Amino acid sequence: MNWKLVYTRQAQKDAKKIASSGLKPKAKELLKILAENPYSNPPTYEKLVGDLQGAYSRRVNIQHRLVYQIHDKEKTVKVLRMWTHYE
């Protein structure tokens, strides 16, 4: 049973940065995992706090993260960011 992935405008902009930086294969791998089961471990994920409370993140690399929210009722994963959430 697959989950539907939904992307914010910011995530779509970040996807272009990911592609140009050579991190596209890693990001695609993480998105595939999210589509299958967003709660799967590994790779590990973190629950975020503060402004992004209720969201989760997984590392693309040491600097960049994939930030997303899980909507269980709709079986959707909303991808918020794919670059960095520190900006």
N, C-alpha and C. Protein backbone atom coordinates (compact mmCIF):
# COMPACT_ATOMS: atom_id res chain seq x y z
N MET A 1 0.85 -1.18 0.00
CA MET A 1 0.00 0.00 0.00
C MET A 1 0.89 1.24 0.00
N ASN A 2 0.86 1.99 -1.07
CA ASN A 2 1.75 3.14 -1.21
C ASN A 2 1.11 4.42 -0.69
N TRP A 3 1.97 5.31 -0.29
CA TRP A 3 1.57 6.63 0.18
C TRP A 3 1.72 7.61 -0.97
N LYS A 4 0.86 8.60 -1.01
CA LYS A 4 0.93 9.63 -2.04
C LYS A 4 1.88 10.73 -1.57
N LEU A 5 2.78 11.16 -2.45
CA LEU A 5 3.70 12.25 -2.13
C LEU A 5 3.16 13.54 -2.72
N VAL A 6 3.11 14.59 -1.90
CA VAL A 6 2.67 15.91 -2.32
C VAL A 6 3.80 16.87 -2.02
N TYR A 7 4.11 17.76 -2.96
CA TYR A 7 5.25 18.68 -2.80
C TYR A 7 4.78 20.12 -2.68
N THR A 8 5.37 20.86 -1.75
CA THR A 8 5.10 22.29 -1.64
C THR A 8 5.88 23.01 -2.74
N ARG A 9 5.55 24.27 -2.96
CA ARG A 9 6.30 25.07 -3.95
C ARG A 9 7.77 25.13 -3.60
N GLN A 10 8.04 25.29 -2.31
CA GLN A 10 9.43 25.37 -1.87
C GLN A 10 10.16 24.06 -2.15
N ALA A 11 9.51 22.94 -1.95
CA ALA A 11 10.14 21.64 -2.22
C ALA A 11 10.43 21.50 -3.72
N GLN A 12 9.55 22.02 -4.55
CA GLN A 12 9.78 21.96 -6.00
C GLN A 12 10.99 22.81 -6.39
N LYS A 13 11.14 23.97 -5.75
CA LYS A 13 12.32 24.81 -6.00
C LYS A 13 13.58 24.10 -5.51
N ASP A 14 13.46 23.48 -4.33
CA ASP A 14 14.61 22.76 -3.75
C ASP A 14 15.03 21.59 -4.62
N ALA A 15 14.08 20.96 -5.31
CA ALA A 15 14.39 19.82 -6.18
C ALA A 15 15.36 20.23 -7.28
N LYS A 16 15.23 21.46 -7.77
CA LYS A 16 16.15 21.94 -8.80
C LYS A 16 17.56 22.10 -8.23
N LYS A 17 17.65 22.59 -6.99
CA LYS A 17 18.96 22.74 -6.34
C LYS A 17 19.58 21.36 -6.11
N ILE A 18 18.76 20.41 -5.69
CA ILE A 18 19.23 19.04 -5.44
C ILE A 18 19.81 18.44 -6.71
N ALA A 19 19.08 18.61 -7.82
CA ALA A 19 19.52 18.05 -9.10
C ALA A 19 20.85 18.66 -9.54
N SER A 20 21.00 19.97 -9.36
CA SER A 20 22.23 20.63 -9.82
C SER A 20 23.42 20.36 -8.89
N SER A 21 23.15 19.90 -7.67
CA SER A 21 24.24 19.66 -6.73
C SER A 21 24.73 18.21 -6.75
N GLY A 22 24.08 17.35 -7.52
CA GLY A 22 24.51 15.96 -7.60
C GLY A 22 23.95 15.07 -6.50
N LEU A 23 22.97 15.57 -5.76
CA LEU A 23 22.37 14.79 -4.67
C LEU A 23 21.05 14.12 -5.08
N LYS A 24 20.72 14.21 -6.36
CA LYS A 24 19.44 13.68 -6.83
C LYS A 24 19.24 12.19 -6.53
N PRO A 25 20.26 11.33 -6.76
CA PRO A 25 20.05 9.90 -6.47
C PRO A 25 19.68 9.62 -5.00
N LYS A 26 20.34 10.31 -4.08
CA LYS A 26 20.06 10.12 -2.66
C LYS A 26 18.66 10.61 -2.32
N ALA A 27 18.27 11.77 -2.87
CA ALA A 27 16.94 12.32 -2.61
C ALA A 27 15.86 11.39 -3.18
N LYS A 28 16.08 10.86 -4.38
CA LYS A 28 15.11 9.94 -4.99
C LYS A 28 14.95 8.69 -4.14
N GLU A 29 16.05 8.20 -3.60
CA GLU A 29 16.01 7.02 -2.73
C GLU A 29 15.16 7.29 -1.49
N LEU A 30 15.34 8.46 -0.87
CA LEU A 30 14.56 8.82 0.31
C LEU A 30 13.08 8.98 -0.03
N LEU A 31 12.78 9.59 -1.18
CA LEU A 31 11.39 9.76 -1.59
C LEU A 31 10.72 8.41 -1.84
N LYS A 32 11.47 7.48 -2.39
CA LYS A 32 10.94 6.13 -2.64
C LYS A 32 10.59 5.46 -1.31
N ILE A 33 11.46 5.62 -0.32
CA ILE A 33 11.21 5.05 1.01
C ILE A 33 9.95 5.68 1.62
N LEU A 34 9.80 7.00 1.48
CA LEU A 34 8.62 7.69 2.02
C LEU A 34 7.34 7.21 1.35
N ALA A 35 7.40 6.95 0.04
CA ALA A 35 6.22 6.49 -0.68
C ALA A 35 5.80 5.09 -0.24
N GLU A 36 6.79 4.28 0.15
CA GLU A 36 6.48 2.92 0.60
C GLU A 36 5.98 2.91 2.05
N ASN A 37 6.72 3.57 2.93
CA ASN A 37 6.33 3.65 4.34
C ASN A 37 7.11 4.78 5.01
N PRO A 38 6.46 5.91 5.31
CA PRO A 38 7.18 7.05 5.88
C PRO A 38 7.70 6.81 7.30
N TYR A 39 7.25 5.74 7.94
CA TYR A 39 7.73 5.45 9.30
C TYR A 39 8.85 4.43 9.31
N SER A 40 9.31 3.98 8.15
CA SER A 40 10.32 2.92 8.12
C SER A 40 11.67 3.41 8.64
N ASN A 41 12.38 2.48 9.24
CA ASN A 41 13.70 2.74 9.79
C ASN A 41 14.59 1.60 9.35
N PRO A 42 15.79 1.68 8.90
CA PRO A 42 16.54 2.87 8.51
C PRO A 42 16.10 3.40 7.16
N PRO A 43 16.56 4.52 6.71
CA PRO A 43 17.39 5.48 7.44
C PRO A 43 16.59 6.16 8.54
N THR A 44 17.29 6.59 9.55
CA THR A 44 16.63 7.17 10.71
C THR A 44 15.97 8.50 10.35
N TYR A 45 14.96 8.83 11.11
CA TYR A 45 14.29 10.13 10.94
C TYR A 45 14.14 10.78 12.30
N GLU A 46 13.94 12.09 12.28
CA GLU A 46 13.79 12.85 13.52
C GLU A 46 12.47 13.59 13.49
N LYS A 47 11.81 13.66 14.65
CA LYS A 47 10.65 14.54 14.80
C LYS A 47 11.20 15.94 15.06
N LEU A 48 10.67 16.91 14.35
CA LEU A 48 11.16 18.27 14.52
C LEU A 48 10.35 19.01 15.57
N VAL A 49 10.95 20.03 16.15
CA VAL A 49 10.30 20.84 17.18
C VAL A 49 10.35 22.31 16.75
N GLY A 50 9.70 23.15 17.51
CA GLY A 50 9.71 24.59 17.20
C GLY A 50 8.78 24.92 16.07
N ASP A 51 9.25 25.74 15.12
CA ASP A 51 8.43 26.18 13.99
C ASP A 51 7.94 25.00 13.16
N LEU A 52 8.72 23.94 13.09
CA LEU A 52 8.38 22.79 12.26
C LEU A 52 7.85 21.62 13.09
N GLN A 53 7.23 21.92 14.21
CA GLN A 53 6.69 20.86 15.06
C GLN A 53 5.64 20.06 14.30
N GLY A 54 5.69 18.77 14.42
CA GLY A 54 4.77 17.90 13.70
C GLY A 54 5.36 17.40 12.39
N ALA A 55 6.52 17.92 12.01
CA ALA A 55 7.19 17.49 10.79
C ALA A 55 8.33 16.54 11.16
N TYR A 56 8.80 15.83 10.16
CA TYR A 56 9.90 14.89 10.33
C TYR A 56 11.01 15.27 9.35
N SER A 57 12.22 14.80 9.62
CA SER A 57 13.29 15.05 8.66
C SER A 57 14.19 13.83 8.56
N ARG A 58 14.75 13.66 7.38
CA ARG A 58 15.76 12.64 7.10
C ARG A 58 16.91 13.33 6.39
N ARG A 59 18.11 12.88 6.64
CA ARG A 59 19.28 13.50 6.03
C ARG A 59 19.47 13.07 4.58
N VAL A 60 19.68 14.07 3.72
CA VAL A 60 20.11 13.80 2.35
C VAL A 60 21.64 13.66 2.38
N ASN A 61 22.28 14.60 3.08
CA ASN A 61 23.72 14.51 3.38
C ASN A 61 23.95 15.24 4.70
N ILE A 62 25.18 15.54 5.03
CA ILE A 62 25.48 16.14 6.33
C ILE A 62 24.82 17.51 6.50
N GLN A 63 24.62 18.24 5.41
CA GLN A 63 24.06 19.59 5.49
C GLN A 63 22.57 19.64 5.17
N HIS A 64 22.13 18.88 4.19
CA HIS A 64 20.77 19.01 3.68
C HIS A 64 19.85 17.91 4.19
N ARG A 65 18.59 18.31 4.35
CA ARG A 65 17.58 17.39 4.89
C ARG A 65 16.32 17.41 4.05
N LEU A 66 15.61 16.31 4.10
CA LEU A 66 14.30 16.20 3.49
C LEU A 66 13.31 16.37 4.64
N VAL A 67 12.50 17.41 4.62
CA VAL A 67 11.56 17.71 5.70
C VAL A 67 10.15 17.44 5.18
N TYR A 68 9.37 16.69 5.96
CA TYR A 68 8.04 16.29 5.49
C TYR A 68 7.07 16.14 6.65
N GLN A 69 5.77 16.15 6.31
CA GLN A 69 4.70 15.90 7.26
C GLN A 69 3.96 14.65 6.80
N ILE A 70 3.45 13.88 7.76
CA ILE A 70 2.71 12.67 7.44
C ILE A 70 1.24 12.90 7.80
N HIS A 71 0.36 12.63 6.84
CA HIS A 71 -1.09 12.73 7.06
C HIS A 71 -1.65 11.31 6.95
N ASP A 72 -1.84 10.68 8.11
CA ASP A 72 -2.25 9.28 8.14
C ASP A 72 -3.62 9.03 7.51
N LYS A 73 -4.59 9.88 7.79
CA LYS A 73 -5.95 9.66 7.28
C LYS A 73 -5.98 9.63 5.76
N GLU A 74 -5.26 10.55 5.13
CA GLU A 74 -5.26 10.64 3.67
C GLU A 74 -4.20 9.76 3.03
N LYS A 75 -3.34 9.13 3.86
CA LYS A 75 -2.21 8.34 3.37
C LYS A 75 -1.33 9.17 2.44
N THR A 76 -1.04 10.41 2.86
CA THR A 76 -0.18 11.28 2.06
C THR A 76 1.01 11.74 2.89
N VAL A 77 2.09 12.01 2.18
CA VAL A 77 3.29 12.59 2.77
C VAL A 77 3.51 13.91 2.06
N LYS A 78 3.49 15.00 2.83
CA LYS A 78 3.68 16.34 2.27
C LYS A 78 5.15 16.72 2.44
N VAL A 79 5.86 16.82 1.33
CA VAL A 79 7.28 17.17 1.36
C VAL A 79 7.39 18.69 1.43
N LEU A 80 7.95 19.20 2.53
CA LEU A 80 8.06 20.64 2.75
C LEU A 80 9.33 21.23 2.17
N ARG A 81 10.45 20.57 2.43
CA ARG A 81 11.76 21.06 1.97
C ARG A 81 12.61 19.88 1.55
N MET A 82 13.53 20.14 0.62
CA MET A 82 14.49 19.12 0.23
C MET A 82 15.91 19.64 0.29
N TRP A 83 16.07 20.85 0.69
CA TRP A 83 17.40 21.44 0.72
C TRP A 83 17.83 21.55 2.16
N THR A 84 17.67 22.69 2.79
CA THR A 84 18.01 22.85 4.19
C THR A 84 16.89 23.61 4.86
N HIS A 85 16.60 23.28 6.11
CA HIS A 85 15.54 24.02 6.80
C HIS A 85 16.11 25.06 7.73
N TYR A 86 17.41 25.35 7.60
CA TYR A 86 18.05 26.35 8.45
C TYR A 86 18.02 27.76 7.86
N GLU A 87 17.55 27.90 6.62
CA GLU A 87 17.54 29.22 5.97
C GLU A 87 16.35 30.04 6.44
